[in-house]
Amino acid sequence: MCSTPSEVYKDIIALWQNSVCAKPKLEEWHKQECLLNECQNCGVEKLHLCPYELVGSHGYKMSWKHFETKVIG
């Protein structure tokens, strides 16, 4: 089992915000290189994933096909 805490994102925007660098102070927008996927510090590496969800780890490859809200309970 994975010891990485599960994260539930309110929406796709919250997920995206966790995968890019924070907006610089007093700026309206994120840095251009972050938005264009050219920043070395942005990406899914910023998300808290279990080792088996990473490409090449244990023969598994994580595939994201869609994002949806599911009410449980």
PDB file of N, CA and C in Angstrom:
ATOM      1  N   MET A   1       0.841  -1.186   0.000  1.00  0.00           N
ATOM      2  CA  MET A   1       0.000   0.000   0.000  1.00  0.00           C
ATOM      3  C   MET A   1       0.882   1.243   0.000  1.00  0.00           C
ATOM      4  N   CYS A   2       0.338   2.317  -0.448  1.00  0.00           N
ATOM      5  CA  CYS A   2       1.083   3.560  -0.579  1.00  0.00           C
ATOM      6  C   CYS A   2       0.899   4.423   0.667  1.00  0.00           C
ATOM      7  N   SER A   3       1.984   5.011   1.147  1.00  0.00           N
ATOM      8  CA  SER A   3       1.899   5.873   2.322  1.00  0.00           C
ATOM      9  C   SER A   3       1.685   7.339   1.950  1.00  0.00           C
ATOM     10  N   THR A   4       1.625   7.642   0.649  1.00  0.00           N
ATOM     11  CA  THR A   4       1.384   9.013   0.196  1.00  0.00           C
ATOM     12  C   THR A   4      -0.070   9.380   0.492  1.00  0.00           C
ATOM     13  N   PRO A   5      -0.314  10.515   1.146  1.00  0.00           N
ATOM     14  CA  PRO A   5      -1.704  10.888   1.442  1.00  0.00           C
ATOM     15  C   PRO A   5      -2.492  11.178   0.170  1.00  0.00           C
ATOM     16  N   SER A   6      -3.724  10.693   0.133  1.00  0.00           N
ATOM     17  CA  SER A   6      -4.591  10.950  -1.022  1.00  0.00           C
ATOM     18  C   SER A   6      -5.009  12.408  -1.028  1.00  0.00           C
ATOM     19  N   GLU A   7      -5.101  12.966  -2.217  1.00  0.00           N
ATOM     20  CA  GLU A   7      -5.561  14.337  -2.344  1.00  0.00           C
ATOM     21  C   GLU A   7      -6.806  14.348  -3.221  1.00  0.00           C
ATOM     22  N   VAL A   8      -7.793  15.087  -2.789  1.00  0.00           N
ATOM     23  CA  VAL A   8      -9.017  15.244  -3.572  1.00  0.00           C
ATOM     24  C   VAL A   8      -9.074  16.702  -3.997  1.00  0.00           C
ATOM     25  N   TYR A   9      -9.199  16.912  -5.290  1.00  0.00           N
ATOM     26  CA  TYR A   9      -9.238  18.263  -5.832  1.00  0.00           C
ATOM     27  C   TYR A   9     -10.665  18.664  -6.128  1.00  0.00           C
ATOM     28  N   LYS A  10     -11.013  19.894  -5.773  1.00  0.00           N
ATOM     29  CA  LYS A  10     -12.366  20.410  -5.956  1.00  0.00           C
ATOM     30  C   LYS A  10     -12.763  20.431  -7.431  1.00  0.00           C
ATOM     31  N   ASP A  11     -11.805  20.768  -8.297  1.00  0.00           N
ATOM     32  CA  ASP A  11     -12.086  20.847  -9.725  1.00  0.00           C
ATOM     33  C   ASP A  11     -10.766  20.775 -10.487  1.00  0.00           C
ATOM     34  N   ILE A  12     -10.847  20.817 -11.800  1.00  0.00           N
ATOM     35  CA  ILE A  12      -9.657  20.704 -12.647  1.00  0.00           C
ATOM     36  C   ILE A  12      -8.716  21.876 -12.425  1.00  0.00           C
ATOM     37  N   ILE A  13      -9.256  23.028 -12.084  1.00  0.00           N
ATOM     38  CA  ILE A  13      -8.413  24.200 -11.837  1.00  0.00           C
ATOM     39  C   ILE A  13      -7.541  23.974 -10.607  1.00  0.00           C
ATOM     40  N   ALA A  14      -8.106  23.395  -9.562  1.00  0.00           N
ATOM     41  CA  ALA A  14      -7.335  23.107  -8.351  1.00  0.00           C
ATOM     42  C   ALA A  14      -6.233  22.091  -8.642  1.00  0.00           C
ATOM     43  N   LEU A  15      -6.527  21.101  -9.445  1.00  0.00           N
ATOM     44  CA  LEU A  15      -5.513  20.118  -9.835  1.00  0.00           C
ATOM     45  C   LEU A  15      -4.402  20.800 -10.614  1.00  0.00           C
ATOM     46  N   TRP A  16      -4.765  21.628 -11.582  1.00  0.00           N
ATOM     47  CA  TRP A  16      -3.770  22.333 -12.395  1.00  0.00           C
ATOM     48  C   TRP A  16      -2.913  23.238 -11.522  1.00  0.00           C
ATOM     49  N   GLN A  17      -3.544  23.984 -10.588  1.00  0.00           N
ATOM     50  CA  GLN A  17      -2.791  24.897  -9.736  1.00  0.00           C
ATOM     51  C   GLN A  17      -1.759  24.176  -8.883  1.00  0.00           C
ATOM     52  N   ASN A  18      -2.014  22.916  -8.567  1.00  0.00           N
ATOM     53  CA  ASN A  18      -1.050  22.151  -7.782  1.00  0.00           C
ATOM     54  C   ASN A  18       0.068  21.578  -8.638  1.00  0.00           C
ATOM     55  N   SER A  19      -0.052  21.667  -9.953  1.00  0.00           N
ATOM     56  CA  SER A  19       0.990  21.115 -10.820  1.00  0.00           C
ATOM     57  C   SER A  19       1.860  22.188 -11.472  1.00  0.00           C
ATOM     58  N   VAL A  20       1.588  23.465 -11.179  1.00  0.00           N
ATOM     59  CA  VAL A  20       2.418  24.561 -11.695  1.00  0.00           C
ATOM     60  C   VAL A  20       2.986  25.375 -10.534  1.00  0.00           C
ATOM     61  N   CYS A  21       3.983  26.175 -10.827  1.00  0.00           N
ATOM     62  CA  CYS A  21       4.564  27.052  -9.814  1.00  0.00           C
ATOM     63  C   CYS A  21       3.530  28.089  -9.375  1.00  0.00           C
ATOM     64  N   ALA A  22       3.688  28.581  -8.186  1.00  0.00           N
ATOM     65  CA  ALA A  22       2.784  29.623  -7.680  1.00  0.00           C
ATOM     66  C   ALA A  22       2.963  30.900  -8.497  1.00  0.00           C
ATOM     67  N   LYS A  23       1.888  31.678  -8.588  1.00  0.00           N
ATOM     68  CA  LYS A  23       1.981  32.975  -9.266  1.00  0.00           C
ATOM     69  C   LYS A  23       2.931  33.873  -8.488  1.00  0.00           C
ATOM     70  N   PRO A  24       3.779  34.622  -9.180  1.00  0.00           N
ATOM     71  CA  PRO A  24       4.642  35.576  -8.483  1.00  0.00           C
ATOM     72  C   PRO A  24       3.795  36.615  -7.746  1.00  0.00           C
ATOM     73  N   LYS A  25       4.295  37.093  -6.630  1.00  0.00           N
ATOM     74  CA  LYS A  25       3.571  38.096  -5.853  1.00  0.00           C
ATOM     75  C   LYS A  25       3.286  39.324  -6.714  1.00  0.00           C
ATOM     76  N   LEU A  26       2.121  39.880  -6.515  1.00  0.00           N
ATOM     77  CA  LEU A  26       1.656  41.088  -7.203  1.00  0.00           C
ATOM     78  C   LEU A  26       1.473  40.905  -8.710  1.00  0.00           C
ATOM     79  N   GLU A  27       1.483  39.666  -9.197  1.00  0.00           N
ATOM     80  CA  GLU A  27       1.268  39.391 -10.624  1.00  0.00           C
ATOM     81  C   GLU A  27      -0.135  38.821 -10.828  1.00  0.00           C
ATOM     82  N   GLU A  28      -0.734  39.175 -11.940  1.00  0.00           N
ATOM     83  CA  GLU A  28      -2.076  38.675 -12.247  1.00  0.00           C
ATOM     84  C   GLU A  28      -2.033  37.259 -12.811  1.00  0.00           C
ATOM     85  N   TRP A  29      -0.950  36.920 -13.500  1.00  0.00           N
ATOM     86  CA  TRP A  29      -0.852  35.642 -14.202  1.00  0.00           C
ATOM     87  C   TRP A  29       0.357  34.842 -13.726  1.00  0.00           C
ATOM     88  N   HIS A  30       0.323  33.555 -14.019  1.00  0.00           N
ATOM     89  CA  HIS A  30       1.485  32.693 -13.787  1.00  0.00           C
ATOM     90  C   HIS A  30       2.557  33.040 -14.813  1.00  0.00           C
ATOM     91  N   LYS A  31       3.789  32.611 -14.543  1.00  0.00           N
ATOM     92  CA  LYS A  31       4.873  32.867 -15.494  1.00  0.00           C
ATOM     93  C   LYS A  31       4.582  32.146 -16.814  1.00  0.00           C
ATOM     94  N   GLN A  32       4.983  32.770 -17.906  1.00  0.00           N
ATOM     95  CA  GLN A  32       4.709  32.232 -19.235  1.00  0.00           C
ATOM     96  C   GLN A  32       5.277  30.828 -19.410  1.00  0.00           C
ATOM     97  N   GLU A  33       6.493  30.599 -18.931  1.00  0.00           N
ATOM     98  CA  GLU A  33       7.094  29.271 -19.111  1.00  0.00           C
ATOM     99  C   GLU A  33       6.306  28.191 -18.377  1.00  0.00           C
ATOM    100  N   CYS A  34       5.649  28.552 -17.279  1.00  0.00           N
ATOM    101  CA  CYS A  34       4.796  27.584 -16.569  1.00  0.00           C
ATOM    102  C   CYS A  34       3.559  27.259 -17.406  1.00  0.00           C
ATOM    103  N   LEU A  35       2.963  28.281 -17.991  1.00  0.00           N
ATOM    104  CA  LEU A  35       1.761  28.089 -18.795  1.00  0.00           C
ATOM    105  C   LEU A  35       2.029  27.322 -20.083  1.00  0.00           C
ATOM    106  N   LEU A  36       3.241  27.443 -20.610  1.00  0.00           N
ATOM    107  CA  LEU A  36       3.596  26.776 -21.871  1.00  0.00           C
ATOM    108  C   LEU A  36       4.296  25.437 -21.657  1.00  0.00           C
ATOM    109  N   ASN A  37       4.290  24.959 -20.406  1.00  0.00           N
ATOM    110  CA  ASN A  37       4.916  23.675 -20.071  1.00  0.00           C
ATOM    111  C   ASN A  37       6.411  23.674 -20.383  1.00  0.00           C
ATOM    112  N   GLU A  38       7.052  24.827 -20.196  1.00  0.00           N
ATOM    113  CA  GLU A  38       8.489  24.951 -20.442  1.00  0.00           C
ATOM    114  C   GLU A  38       9.275  25.111 -19.143  1.00  0.00           C
ATOM    115  N   CYS A  39       8.599  25.140 -18.022  1.00  0.00           N
ATOM    116  CA  CYS A  39       9.242  25.320 -16.726  1.00  0.00           C
ATOM    117  C   CYS A  39       9.728  23.963 -16.207  1.00  0.00           C
ATOM    118  N   GLN A  40      10.955  23.920 -15.743  1.00  0.00           N
ATOM    119  CA  GLN A  40      11.530  22.680 -15.221  1.00  0.00           C
ATOM    120  C   GLN A  40      10.949  22.298 -13.858  1.00  0.00           C
ATOM    121  N   ASN A  41      10.261  23.228 -13.198  1.00  0.00           N
ATOM    122  CA  ASN A  41       9.730  22.967 -11.866  1.00  0.00           C
ATOM    123  C   ASN A  41       8.240  22.627 -11.864  1.00  0.00           C
ATOM    124  N   CYS A  42       7.585  22.698 -13.005  1.00  0.00           N
ATOM    125  CA  CYS A  42       6.149  22.412 -13.100  1.00  0.00           C
ATOM    126  C   CYS A  42       5.925  21.000 -13.632  1.00  0.00           C
ATOM    127  N   GLY A  43       4.738  20.493 -13.413  1.00  0.00           N
ATOM    128  CA  GLY A  43       4.352  19.200 -13.965  1.00  0.00           C
ATOM    129  C   GLY A  43       3.783  18.269 -12.915  1.00  0.00           C
ATOM    130  N   VAL A  44       3.448  17.067 -13.352  1.00  0.00           N
ATOM    131  CA  VAL A  44       2.847  16.094 -12.435  1.00  0.00           C
ATOM    132  C   VAL A  44       3.794  15.705 -11.307  1.00  0.00           C
ATOM    133  N   GLU A  45       5.075  16.006 -11.472  1.00  0.00           N
ATOM    134  CA  GLU A  45       6.030  15.714 -10.411  1.00  0.00           C
ATOM    135  C   GLU A  45       5.702  16.480  -9.135  1.00  0.00           C
ATOM    136  N   LYS A  46       4.974  17.584  -9.260  1.00  0.00           N
ATOM    137  CA  LYS A  46       4.586  18.382  -8.096  1.00  0.00           C
ATOM    138  C   LYS A  46       3.411  17.764  -7.340  1.00  0.00           C
ATOM    139  N   LEU A  47       2.695  16.844  -7.975  1.00  0.00           N
ATOM    140  CA  LEU A  47       1.567  16.183  -7.322  1.00  0.00           C
ATOM    141  C   LEU A  47       2.085  15.058  -6.434  1.00  0.00           C
ATOM    142  N   HIS A  48       1.347  14.766  -5.395  1.00  0.00           N
ATOM    143  CA  HIS A  48       1.732  13.686  -4.481  1.00  0.00           C
ATOM    144  C   HIS A  48       1.199  12.367  -5.034  1.00  0.00           C
ATOM    145  N   LEU A  49       2.074  11.615  -5.678  1.00  0.00           N
ATOM    146  CA  LEU A  49       1.687  10.350  -6.293  1.00  0.00           C
ATOM    147  C   LEU A  49       2.382   9.188  -5.586  1.00  0.00           C
ATOM    148  N   CYS A  50       1.757   8.037  -5.631  1.00  0.00           N
ATOM    149  CA  CYS A  50       2.390   6.825  -5.108  1.00  0.00           C
ATOM    150  C   CYS A  50       3.438   6.363  -6.115  1.00  0.00           C
ATOM    151  N   PRO A  51       4.484   5.707  -5.650  1.00  0.00           N
ATOM    152  CA  PRO A  51       5.526   5.250  -6.581  1.00  0.00           C
ATOM    153  C   PRO A  51       5.003   4.388  -7.718  1.00  0.00           C
ATOM    154  N   TYR A  52       3.989   3.555  -7.465  1.00  0.00           N
ATOM    155  CA  TYR A  52       3.480   2.685  -8.530  1.00  0.00           C
ATOM    156  C   TYR A  52       2.677   3.440  -9.581  1.00  0.00           C
ATOM    157  N   GLU A  53       2.357   4.713  -9.317  1.00  0.00           N
ATOM    158  CA  GLU A  53       1.638   5.524 -10.299  1.00  0.00           C
ATOM    159  C   GLU A  53       2.585   6.214 -11.281  1.00  0.00           C
ATOM    160  N   LEU A  54       3.859   6.174 -11.011  1.00  0.00           N
ATOM    161  CA  LEU A  54       4.838   6.845 -11.856  1.00  0.00           C
ATOM    162  C   LEU A  54       5.229   5.962 -13.031  1.00  0.00           C
ATOM    163  N   VAL A  55       5.491   6.567 -14.167  1.00  0.00           N
ATOM    164  CA  VAL A  55       5.871   5.843 -15.377  1.00  0.00           C
ATOM    165  C   VAL A  55       7.125   5.012 -15.111  1.00  0.00           C
ATOM    166  N   GLY A  56       7.076   3.767 -15.503  1.00  0.00           N
ATOM    167  CA  GLY A  56       8.242   2.893 -15.382  1.00  0.00           C
ATOM    168  C   GLY A  56       8.400   2.241 -14.027  1.00  0.00           C
ATOM    169  N   SER A  57       7.682   2.685 -13.023  1.00  0.00           N
ATOM    170  CA  SER A  57       7.797   2.121 -11.697  1.00  0.00           C
ATOM    171  C   SER A  57       6.903   0.887 -11.579  1.00  0.00           C
ATOM    172  N   HIS A  58       7.475  -0.243 -11.252  1.00  0.00           N
ATOM    173  CA  HIS A  58       6.746  -1.496 -11.062  1.00  0.00           C
ATOM    174  C   HIS A  58       5.974  -1.918 -12.309  1.00  0.00           C
ATOM    175  N   GLY A  59       6.376  -1.438 -13.467  1.00  0.00           N
ATOM    176  CA  GLY A  59       5.723  -1.823 -14.705  1.00  0.00           C
ATOM    177  C   GLY A  59       4.391  -1.131 -14.965  1.00  0.00           C
ATOM    178  N   TYR A  60       4.011  -0.179 -14.117  1.00  0.00           N
ATOM    179  CA  TYR A  60       2.752   0.525 -14.290  1.00  0.00           C
ATOM    180  C   TYR A  60       2.984   1.857 -14.991  1.00  0.00           C
ATOM    181  N   LYS A  61       1.980   2.322 -15.677  1.00  0.00           N
ATOM    182  CA  LYS A  61       2.011   3.656 -16.270  1.00  0.00           C
ATOM    183  C   LYS A  61       0.680   4.321 -15.957  1.00  0.00           C
ATOM    184  N   MET A  62       0.747   5.481 -15.354  1.00  0.00           N
ATOM    185  CA  MET A  62      -0.471   6.205 -15.015  1.00  0.00           C
ATOM    186  C   MET A  62      -1.017   6.884 -16.255  1.00  0.00           C
ATOM    187  N   SER A  63      -2.299   6.737 -16.493  1.00  0.00           N
ATOM    188  CA  SER A  63      -2.937   7.340 -17.659  1.00  0.00           C
ATOM    189  C   SER A  63      -4.126   8.159 -17.192  1.00  0.00           C
ATOM    190  N   TRP A  64      -4.134   9.441 -17.523  1.00  0.00           N
ATOM    191  CA  TRP A  64      -5.233  10.315 -17.149  1.00  0.00           C
ATOM    192  C   TRP A  64      -6.077  10.554 -18.381  1.00  0.00           C
ATOM    193  N   LYS A  65      -7.316  10.106 -18.342  1.00  0.00           N
ATOM    194  CA  LYS A  65      -8.183  10.238 -19.503  1.00  0.00           C
ATOM    195  C   LYS A  65      -9.261  11.275 -19.327  1.00  0.00           C
ATOM    196  N   HIS A  66      -9.725  11.487 -18.095  1.00  0.00           N
ATOM    197  CA  HIS A  66     -10.750  12.497 -17.880  1.00  0.00           C
ATOM    198  C   HIS A  66     -10.777  12.898 -16.410  1.00  0.00           C
ATOM    199  N   PHE A  67     -11.471  13.955 -16.138  1.00  0.00           N
ATOM    200  CA  PHE A  67     -11.603  14.479 -14.782  1.00  0.00           C
ATOM    201  C   PHE A  67     -13.083  14.680 -14.539  1.00  0.00           C
ATOM    202  N   GLU A  68     -13.573  14.170 -13.423  1.00  0.00           N
ATOM    203  CA  GLU A  68     -14.981  14.327 -13.119  1.00  0.00           C
ATOM    204  C   GLU A  68     -15.189  14.442 -11.626  1.00  0.00           C
ATOM    205  N   THR A  69     -16.312  14.979 -11.266  1.00  0.00           N
ATOM    206  CA  THR A  69     -16.702  15.055  -9.866  1.00  0.00           C
ATOM    207  C   THR A  69     -17.641  13.902  -9.585  1.00  0.00           C
ATOM    208  N   LYS A  70     -17.365  13.150  -8.542  1.00  0.00           N
ATOM    209  CA  LYS A  70     -18.201  12.011  -8.201  1.00  0.00           C
ATOM    210  C   LYS A  70     -18.613  12.165  -6.740  1.00  0.00           C
ATOM    211  N   VAL A  71     -19.907  12.209  -6.487  1.00  0.00           N
ATOM    212  CA  VAL A  71     -20.423  12.332  -5.131  1.00  0.00           C
ATOM    213  C   VAL A  71     -20.486  10.931  -4.524  1.00  0.00           C
ATOM    214  N   ILE A  72     -19.864  10.783  -3.373  1.00  0.00           N
ATOM    215  CA  ILE A  72     -19.847   9.492  -2.683  1.00  0.00           C
ATOM    216  C   ILE A  72     -20.534   9.665  -1.344  1.00  0.00           C
ATOM    217  N   GLY A  73     -21.497   8.810  -1.069  1.00  0.00           N
ATOM    218  CA  GLY A  73     -22.151   8.835   0.252  1.00  0.00           C
ATOM    219  C   GLY A  73     -23.448   9.518   0.298  1.00  0.00           C
TER     220      GLY A  73
END
